[in-house]
């Protein structure tokens, strides 16, 4: 599931310059300038309306800047790098009547993947049984979140952008998800996690980004620095 190496320096995998995103008169992002190194796990923190999801969607190429520029893997053309980005939305967006493998097969085909192997490997990475035949609608919330993560992984992206992956899961499932993300980071993935549960990533995150009213106001190497 390794993606092809793209044109990104060891110093920066993402560069954001003067990023503004407006929805009518409302500015969700207000002039962000930032660079992010590869192979790190970034926790994106902040209150509702701070701009966290807007930033994630813009990095994913799902939302275009009103002004400014976003460069990912050395390219500002989001369509050219889409296969190298895995995005996990806050809603699971799973097909409840399908099994886990059926869900993955469907999404894999959207990336031109016809083989079974990538789907099986993605399920195994998130510790789900590829042979489990029951529909995803009968999964626990923790299993649904892991299946959503598998869907984001199925095409072997180098960059993962995850919106509230710990949402509505119990403490044990959340900790399992944290271990999965730390392992993916250790395997070389670059990961952004939007979350309201900052303490879960206290030990796993390499850097915490704190957002307020559409701006990154603080960047810290540990949870204490980010919340003082």
C-alpha atoms as a PDB file:
ATOM      1  CA  UNK A   1       0.000   0.000   0.000  1.00  0.00           C
ATOM      2  CA  UNK A   2       2.935   2.318  -0.416  1.00  0.00           C
ATOM      3  CA  UNK A   3       2.229   5.332  -2.582  1.00  0.00           C
ATOM      4  CA  UNK A   4       4.704   6.571  -5.131  1.00  0.00           C
ATOM      5  CA  UNK A   5       7.144   9.130  -3.794  1.00  0.00           C
ATOM      6  CA  UNK A   6       6.159  12.632  -4.749  1.00  0.00           C
ATOM      7  CA  UNK A   7       8.094  15.847  -5.159  1.00  0.00           C
ATOM      8  CA  UNK A   8       8.238  17.097  -1.567  1.00  0.00           C
ATOM      9  CA  UNK A   9      11.281  18.198   0.349  1.00  0.00           C
ATOM     10  CA  UNK A  10      12.366  16.748   3.674  1.00  0.00           C
ATOM     11  CA  UNK A  11      11.622  20.154   5.197  1.00  0.00           C
ATOM     12  CA  UNK A  12       8.062  20.687   3.996  1.00  0.00           C
ATOM     13  CA  UNK A  13       5.288  18.499   2.616  1.00  0.00           C
ATOM     14  CA  UNK A  14       2.650  21.275   2.779  1.00  0.00           C
ATOM     15  CA  UNK A  15       3.049  25.018   2.334  1.00  0.00           C
ATOM     16  CA  UNK A  16       0.159  27.394   2.970  1.00  0.00           C
ATOM     17  CA  UNK A  17       0.468  31.045   1.960  1.00  0.00           C
ATOM     18  CA  UNK A  18      -2.079  33.753   2.701  1.00  0.00           C
ATOM     19  CA  UNK A  19      -4.908  31.217   2.848  1.00  0.00           C
ATOM     20  CA  UNK A  20      -8.364  32.782   3.027  1.00  0.00           C
ATOM     21  CA  UNK A  21     -11.607  30.842   2.705  1.00  0.00           C
ATOM     22  CA  UNK A  22     -14.890  32.711   2.648  1.00  0.00           C
ATOM     23  CA  UNK A  23     -18.462  31.461   2.597  1.00  0.00           C
ATOM     24  CA  UNK A  24     -20.386  34.531   1.539  1.00  0.00           C
ATOM     25  CA  UNK A  25     -19.439  37.213   4.041  1.00  0.00           C
ATOM     26  CA  UNK A  26     -18.145  34.717   6.586  1.00  0.00           C
ATOM     27  CA  UNK A  27     -14.403  34.098   6.592  1.00  0.00           C
ATOM     28  CA  UNK A  28     -13.716  30.546   7.807  1.00  0.00           C
ATOM     29  CA  UNK A  29      -9.958  30.931   7.239  1.00  0.00           C
ATOM     30  CA  UNK A  30      -8.316  34.322   7.643  1.00  0.00           C
ATOM     31  CA  UNK A  31      -4.856  34.545   6.159  1.00  0.00           C
ATOM     32  CA  UNK A  32      -3.009  31.383   7.246  1.00  0.00           C
ATOM     33  CA  UNK A  33       0.715  31.053   6.539  1.00  0.00           C
ATOM     34  CA  UNK A  34       2.296  27.764   7.578  1.00  0.00           C
ATOM     35  CA  UNK A  35       4.601  24.932   6.567  1.00  0.00           C
ATOM     36  CA  UNK A  36       4.380  21.318   7.660  1.00  0.00           C
ATOM     37  CA  UNK A  37       7.072  18.642   7.620  1.00  0.00           C
ATOM     38  CA  UNK A  38       6.465  15.079   6.409  1.00  0.00           C
ATOM     39  CA  UNK A  39       6.250  12.030   8.643  1.00  0.00           C
ATOM     40  CA  UNK A  40       4.578  13.796  11.569  1.00  0.00           C
ATOM     41  CA  UNK A  41       1.271  13.554  13.379  1.00  0.00           C
ATOM     42  CA  UNK A  42      -0.382  16.961  13.753  1.00  0.00           C
ATOM     43  CA  UNK A  43      -3.315  17.492  16.140  1.00  0.00           C
ATOM     44  CA  UNK A  44      -5.546  20.393  15.062  1.00  0.00           C
ATOM     45  CA  UNK A  45      -7.336  21.873  18.068  1.00  0.00           C
ATOM     46  CA  UNK A  46      -9.856  24.642  18.649  1.00  0.00           C
ATOM     47  CA  UNK A  47     -13.457  25.487  19.437  1.00  0.00           C
ATOM     48  CA  UNK A  48     -16.374  24.990  17.074  1.00  0.00           C
ATOM     49  CA  UNK A  49     -16.142  27.491  14.236  1.00  0.00           C
ATOM     50  CA  UNK A  50     -12.381  27.940  14.610  1.00  0.00           C
ATOM     51  CA  UNK A  51     -11.778  26.795  11.024  1.00  0.00           C
ATOM     52  CA  UNK A  52     -10.387  23.309  11.672  1.00  0.00           C
ATOM     53  CA  UNK A  53     -12.555  21.417   9.187  1.00  0.00           C
ATOM     54  CA  UNK A  54     -12.246  24.197   6.604  1.00  0.00           C
ATOM     55  CA  UNK A  55      -8.457  23.926   6.835  1.00  0.00           C
ATOM     56  CA  UNK A  56      -8.586  20.144   6.487  1.00  0.00           C
ATOM     57  CA  UNK A  57     -10.911  20.263   3.484  1.00  0.00           C
ATOM     58  CA  UNK A  58      -8.731  22.869   1.812  1.00  0.00           C
ATOM     59  CA  UNK A  59      -5.601  20.771   2.326  1.00  0.00           C
ATOM     60  CA  UNK A  60      -7.493  17.805   0.861  1.00  0.00           C
ATOM     61  CA  UNK A  61      -8.459  19.793  -2.239  1.00  0.00           C
ATOM     62  CA  UNK A  62     -12.157  19.384  -1.432  1.00  0.00           C
ATOM     63  CA  UNK A  63     -12.548  23.134  -0.934  1.00  0.00           C
ATOM     64  CA  UNK A  64     -10.755  25.761  -3.003  1.00  0.00           C
ATOM     65  CA  UNK A  65      -9.179  28.847  -1.386  1.00  0.00           C
ATOM     66  CA  UNK A  66     -10.903  32.152  -1.877  1.00  0.00           C
ATOM     67  CA  UNK A  67      -7.456  33.706  -1.860  1.00  0.00           C
ATOM     68  CA  UNK A  68      -3.962  32.430  -1.171  1.00  0.00           C
ATOM     69  CA  UNK A  69      -2.175  29.255  -2.151  1.00  0.00           C
ATOM     70  CA  UNK A  70      -1.881  25.690  -0.858  1.00  0.00           C
ATOM     71  CA  UNK A  71       0.990  23.524  -2.073  1.00  0.00           C
ATOM     72  CA  UNK A  72       0.947  19.812  -1.234  1.00  0.00           C
ATOM     73  CA  UNK A  73       3.729  17.506  -2.388  1.00  0.00           C
ATOM     74  CA  UNK A  74       5.114  20.425  -4.377  1.00  0.00           C
ATOM     75  CA  UNK A  75       1.902  20.913  -6.378  1.00  0.00           C
ATOM     76  CA  UNK A  76      -0.935  23.434  -6.123  1.00  0.00           C
ATOM     77  CA  UNK A  77      -3.105  21.333  -8.473  1.00  0.00           C
ATOM     78  CA  UNK A  78      -5.261  19.304  -6.100  1.00  0.00           C
ATOM     79  CA  UNK A  79      -6.503  16.983  -8.864  1.00  0.00           C
ATOM     80  CA  UNK A  80      -2.955  15.814  -9.614  1.00  0.00           C
ATOM     81  CA  UNK A  81      -2.283  14.671  -6.031  1.00  0.00           C
ATOM     82  CA  UNK A  82      -5.700  13.400  -4.988  1.00  0.00           C
ATOM     83  CA  UNK A  83      -4.599   9.757  -5.147  1.00  0.00           C
ATOM     84  CA  UNK A  84      -1.903  10.519  -2.584  1.00  0.00           C
ATOM     85  CA  UNK A  85      -4.280  11.950   0.021  1.00  0.00           C
ATOM     86  CA  UNK A  86      -6.599   9.992   2.302  1.00  0.00           C
ATOM     87  CA  UNK A  87      -9.506  11.941   3.779  1.00  0.00           C
ATOM     88  CA  UNK A  88     -11.776  10.795   6.607  1.00  0.00           C
ATOM     89  CA  UNK A  89     -14.815  13.021   7.047  1.00  0.00           C
ATOM     90  CA  UNK A  90     -16.572  13.566  10.368  1.00  0.00           C
ATOM     91  CA  UNK A  91     -19.695  11.666   9.171  1.00  0.00           C
ATOM     92  CA  UNK A  92     -18.754   8.048   8.463  1.00  0.00           C
ATOM     93  CA  UNK A  93     -20.315   8.099   4.944  1.00  0.00           C
ATOM     94  CA  UNK A  94     -20.390   4.294   4.964  1.00  0.00           C
ATOM     95  CA  UNK A  95     -22.964   2.177   3.162  1.00  0.00           C
ATOM     96  CA  UNK A  96     -24.702   0.496   6.089  1.00  0.00           C
ATOM     97  CA  UNK A  97     -26.201  -2.331   4.031  1.00  0.00           C
ATOM     98  CA  UNK A  98     -22.752  -3.413   2.775  1.00  0.00           C
ATOM     99  CA  UNK A  99     -20.121  -5.389   4.661  1.00  0.00           C
ATOM    100  CA  UNK A 100     -16.790  -3.801   5.494  1.00  0.00           C
ATOM    101  CA  UNK A 101     -15.073  -5.397   2.518  1.00  0.00           C
ATOM    102  CA  UNK A 102     -17.906  -4.432   0.194  1.00  0.00           C
ATOM    103  CA  UNK A 103     -17.536  -0.836   1.326  1.00  0.00           C
ATOM    104  CA  UNK A 104     -13.804  -0.928   0.660  1.00  0.00           C
ATOM    105  CA  UNK A 105     -14.176  -2.603  -2.732  1.00  0.00           C
ATOM    106  CA  UNK A 106     -16.576   0.141  -3.799  1.00  0.00           C
ATOM    107  CA  UNK A 107     -14.285   2.975  -2.717  1.00  0.00           C
ATOM    108  CA  UNK A 108     -11.189   1.246  -4.090  1.00  0.00           C
ATOM    109  CA  UNK A 109     -12.809   1.162  -7.524  1.00  0.00           C
ATOM    110  CA  UNK A 110     -13.126   4.961  -7.395  1.00  0.00           C
ATOM    111  CA  UNK A 111      -9.307   5.001  -7.383  1.00  0.00           C
ATOM    112  CA  UNK A 112      -9.090   2.467 -10.188  1.00  0.00           C
ATOM    113  CA  UNK A 113      -8.171  -0.387  -7.851  1.00  0.00           C
ATOM    114  CA  UNK A 114      -9.704  -3.693  -8.952  1.00  0.00           C
ATOM    115  CA  UNK A 115      -7.567  -6.078  -6.894  1.00  0.00           C
ATOM    116  CA  UNK A 116      -8.731  -7.496  -3.572  1.00  0.00           C
ATOM    117  CA  UNK A 117      -5.317  -7.191  -1.889  1.00  0.00           C
ATOM    118  CA  UNK A 118      -5.368  -3.463  -1.003  1.00  0.00           C
ATOM    119  CA  UNK A 119      -8.802  -3.852   0.604  1.00  0.00           C
ATOM    120  CA  UNK A 120      -7.683  -6.823   2.690  1.00  0.00           C
ATOM    121  CA  UNK A 121      -4.518  -5.023   3.793  1.00  0.00           C
ATOM    122  CA  UNK A 122      -6.452  -1.892   4.755  1.00  0.00           C
ATOM    123  CA  UNK A 123      -8.828  -3.974   6.889  1.00  0.00           C
ATOM    124  CA  UNK A 124      -5.931  -5.754   8.562  1.00  0.00           C
ATOM    125  CA  UNK A 125      -4.119  -2.483   9.311  1.00  0.00           C
ATOM    126  CA  UNK A 126      -7.128  -1.214  11.285  1.00  0.00           C
ATOM    127  CA  UNK A 127      -7.630  -4.605  12.971  1.00  0.00           C
ATOM    128  CA  UNK A 128     -10.903  -5.539  11.282  1.00  0.00           C
ATOM    129  CA  UNK A 129     -11.640  -9.011   9.936  1.00  0.00           C
ATOM    130  CA  UNK A 130     -11.878  -8.958   6.113  1.00  0.00           C
ATOM    131  CA  UNK A 131     -14.101 -12.039   6.307  1.00  0.00           C
ATOM    132  CA  UNK A 132     -16.668 -10.413   8.587  1.00  0.00           C
ATOM    133  CA  UNK A 133     -19.869 -10.625   6.544  1.00  0.00           C
ATOM    134  CA  UNK A 134     -22.291  -8.628   8.668  1.00  0.00           C
ATOM    135  CA  UNK A 135     -23.299  -5.211   7.312  1.00  0.00           C
ATOM    136  CA  UNK A 136     -21.498  -2.077   8.479  1.00  0.00           C
ATOM    137  CA  UNK A 137     -24.784  -0.835   9.938  1.00  0.00           C
ATOM    138  CA  UNK A 138     -24.364  -3.472  12.651  1.00  0.00           C
ATOM    139  CA  UNK A 139     -20.812  -2.409  13.518  1.00  0.00           C
ATOM    140  CA  UNK A 140     -20.049  -0.710  16.828  1.00  0.00           C
ATOM    141  CA  UNK A 141     -19.116   2.970  16.545  1.00  0.00           C
ATOM    142  CA  UNK A 142     -15.464   2.106  17.165  1.00  0.00           C
ATOM    143  CA  UNK A 143     -15.524  -0.432  14.330  1.00  0.00           C
ATOM    144  CA  UNK A 144     -17.240   2.095  12.039  1.00  0.00           C
ATOM    145  CA  UNK A 145     -14.519   4.645  12.694  1.00  0.00           C
ATOM    146  CA  UNK A 146     -11.818   2.072  11.963  1.00  0.00           C
ATOM    147  CA  UNK A 147     -13.610   1.085   8.754  1.00  0.00           C
ATOM    148  CA  UNK A 148     -13.708   4.766   7.767  1.00  0.00           C
ATOM    149  CA  UNK A 149      -9.963   4.916   8.411  1.00  0.00           C
ATOM    150  CA  UNK A 150      -9.467   1.791   6.273  1.00  0.00           C
ATOM    151  CA  UNK A 151     -11.370   3.501   3.464  1.00  0.00           C
ATOM    152  CA  UNK A 152      -8.997   6.484   3.718  1.00  0.00           C
ATOM    153  CA  UNK A 153      -6.038   4.076   3.549  1.00  0.00           C
ATOM    154  CA  UNK A 154      -7.167   1.722   0.793  1.00  0.00           C
ATOM    155  CA  UNK A 155      -5.333   3.508  -2.038  1.00  0.00           C
ATOM    156  CA  UNK A 156      -2.055   3.837  -0.113  1.00  0.00           C
ATOM    157  CA  UNK A 157      -1.898   7.621   0.471  1.00  0.00           C
ATOM    158  CA  UNK A 158       1.125   9.362   1.977  1.00  0.00           C
ATOM    159  CA  UNK A 159      -0.985  12.082   3.620  1.00  0.00           C
ATOM    160  CA  UNK A 160      -3.954  11.373   5.909  1.00  0.00           C
ATOM    161  CA  UNK A 161      -6.452  14.087   6.847  1.00  0.00           C
ATOM    162  CA  UNK A 162      -8.855  12.917   9.548  1.00  0.00           C
ATOM    163  CA  UNK A 163     -11.813  14.891  10.904  1.00  0.00           C
ATOM    164  CA  UNK A 164     -12.854  13.838  14.421  1.00  0.00           C
ATOM    165  CA  UNK A 165     -11.827  10.157  14.188  1.00  0.00           C
ATOM    166  CA  UNK A 166     -12.572   9.673  17.926  1.00  0.00           C
ATOM    167  CA  UNK A 167     -16.143  10.938  17.653  1.00  0.00           C
ATOM    168  CA  UNK A 168     -18.702   9.025  19.757  1.00  0.00           C
ATOM    169  CA  UNK A 169     -16.379   6.099  20.505  1.00  0.00           C
ATOM    170  CA  UNK A 170     -15.643   4.634  23.925  1.00  0.00           C
ATOM    171  CA  UNK A 171     -12.320   5.192  25.676  1.00  0.00           C
ATOM    172  CA  UNK A 172     -10.878   1.810  24.699  1.00  0.00           C
ATOM    173  CA  UNK A 173     -11.753   2.285  21.004  1.00  0.00           C
ATOM    174  CA  UNK A 174     -10.306   5.805  21.061  1.00  0.00           C
ATOM    175  CA  UNK A 175      -7.031   4.548  22.488  1.00  0.00           C
ATOM    176  CA  UNK A 176      -6.892   1.816  19.855  1.00  0.00           C
ATOM    177  CA  UNK A 177      -7.380   4.459  17.160  1.00  0.00           C
ATOM    178  CA  UNK A 178      -4.549   6.533  18.659  1.00  0.00           C
ATOM    179  CA  UNK A 179      -2.238   3.501  18.541  1.00  0.00           C
ATOM    180  CA  UNK A 180      -3.199   2.904  14.910  1.00  0.00           C
ATOM    181  CA  UNK A 181      -2.431   6.516  13.984  1.00  0.00           C
ATOM    182  CA  UNK A 182       0.889   6.484  15.816  1.00  0.00           C
ATOM    183  CA  UNK A 183       1.841   3.304  13.967  1.00  0.00           C
ATOM    184  CA  UNK A 184       0.932   4.831  10.616  1.00  0.00           C
ATOM    185  CA  UNK A 185       3.014   7.907  11.459  1.00  0.00           C
ATOM    186  CA  UNK A 186       5.926   5.688  12.443  1.00  0.00           C
ATOM    187  CA  UNK A 187       5.570   3.960   9.056  1.00  0.00           C
ATOM    188  CA  UNK A 188       6.120   7.308   7.330  1.00  0.00           C
ATOM    189  CA  UNK A 189       2.628   8.736   6.880  1.00  0.00           C
ATOM    190  CA  UNK A 190       1.951  12.416   7.512  1.00  0.00           C
ATOM    191  CA  UNK A 191      -1.265  12.755   9.514  1.00  0.00           C
ATOM    192  CA  UNK A 192      -3.520  15.673  10.458  1.00  0.00           C
ATOM    193  CA  UNK A 193      -6.177  14.963  13.080  1.00  0.00           C
ATOM    194  CA  UNK A 194      -8.943  17.451  13.834  1.00  0.00           C
ATOM    195  CA  UNK A 195     -10.245  16.690  17.307  1.00  0.00           C
ATOM    196  CA  UNK A 196     -11.988  18.141  20.344  1.00  0.00           C
ATOM    197  CA  UNK A 197     -10.308  15.447  22.466  1.00  0.00           C
ATOM    198  CA  UNK A 198      -6.800  16.839  22.575  1.00  0.00           C
ATOM    199  CA  UNK A 199      -5.721  14.795  25.588  1.00  0.00           C
ATOM    200  CA  UNK A 200      -6.023  11.579  23.561  1.00  0.00           C
ATOM    201  CA  UNK A 201      -3.103  12.711  21.393  1.00  0.00           C
ATOM    202  CA  UNK A 202      -1.026  14.153  24.228  1.00  0.00           C
ATOM    203  CA  UNK A 203       1.699  11.515  23.844  1.00  0.00           C
ATOM    204  CA  UNK A 204       1.234  10.547  20.196  1.00  0.00           C
ATOM    205  CA  UNK A 205       1.186  13.930  18.425  1.00  0.00           C
ATOM    206  CA  UNK A 206       4.421  15.463  17.193  1.00  0.00           C
ATOM    207  CA  UNK A 207       2.872  18.924  17.096  1.00  0.00           C
ATOM    208  CA  UNK A 208      -0.357  20.535  18.216  1.00  0.00           C
ATOM    209  CA  UNK A 209      -1.933  23.348  16.217  1.00  0.00           C
ATOM    210  CA  UNK A 210      -4.387  25.587  18.022  1.00  0.00           C
ATOM    211  CA  UNK A 211      -6.881  27.487  15.874  1.00  0.00           C
ATOM    212  CA  UNK A 212      -9.043  30.477  16.732  1.00  0.00           C
ATOM    213  CA  UNK A 213     -11.400  32.411  14.419  1.00  0.00           C
ATOM    214  CA  UNK A 214      -9.834  31.078  11.235  1.00  0.00           C
ATOM    215  CA  UNK A 215      -6.189  31.409  12.208  1.00  0.00           C
ATOM    216  CA  UNK A 216      -3.492  29.141  13.605  1.00  0.00           C
ATOM    217  CA  UNK A 217      -2.660  31.019  16.782  1.00  0.00           C
ATOM    218  CA  UNK A 218      -0.270  28.568  18.420  1.00  0.00           C
ATOM    219  CA  UNK A 219       1.953  25.646  17.464  1.00  0.00           C
ATOM    220  CA  UNK A 220       3.376  23.549  20.273  1.00  0.00           C
ATOM    221  CA  UNK A 221       5.355  20.363  20.769  1.00  0.00           C
ATOM    222  CA  UNK A 222       3.280  19.175  23.722  1.00  0.00           C
ATOM    223  CA  UNK A 223      -0.224  19.438  25.144  1.00  0.00           C
ATOM    224  CA  UNK A 224       0.773  21.697  28.065  1.00  0.00           C
ATOM    225  CA  UNK A 225       2.258  24.331  25.767  1.00  0.00           C
ATOM    226  CA  UNK A 226      -0.781  24.258  23.487  1.00  0.00           C
ATOM    227  CA  UNK A 227      -3.344  24.818  26.224  1.00  0.00           C
ATOM    228  CA  UNK A 228      -1.734  27.425  28.459  1.00  0.00           C
END
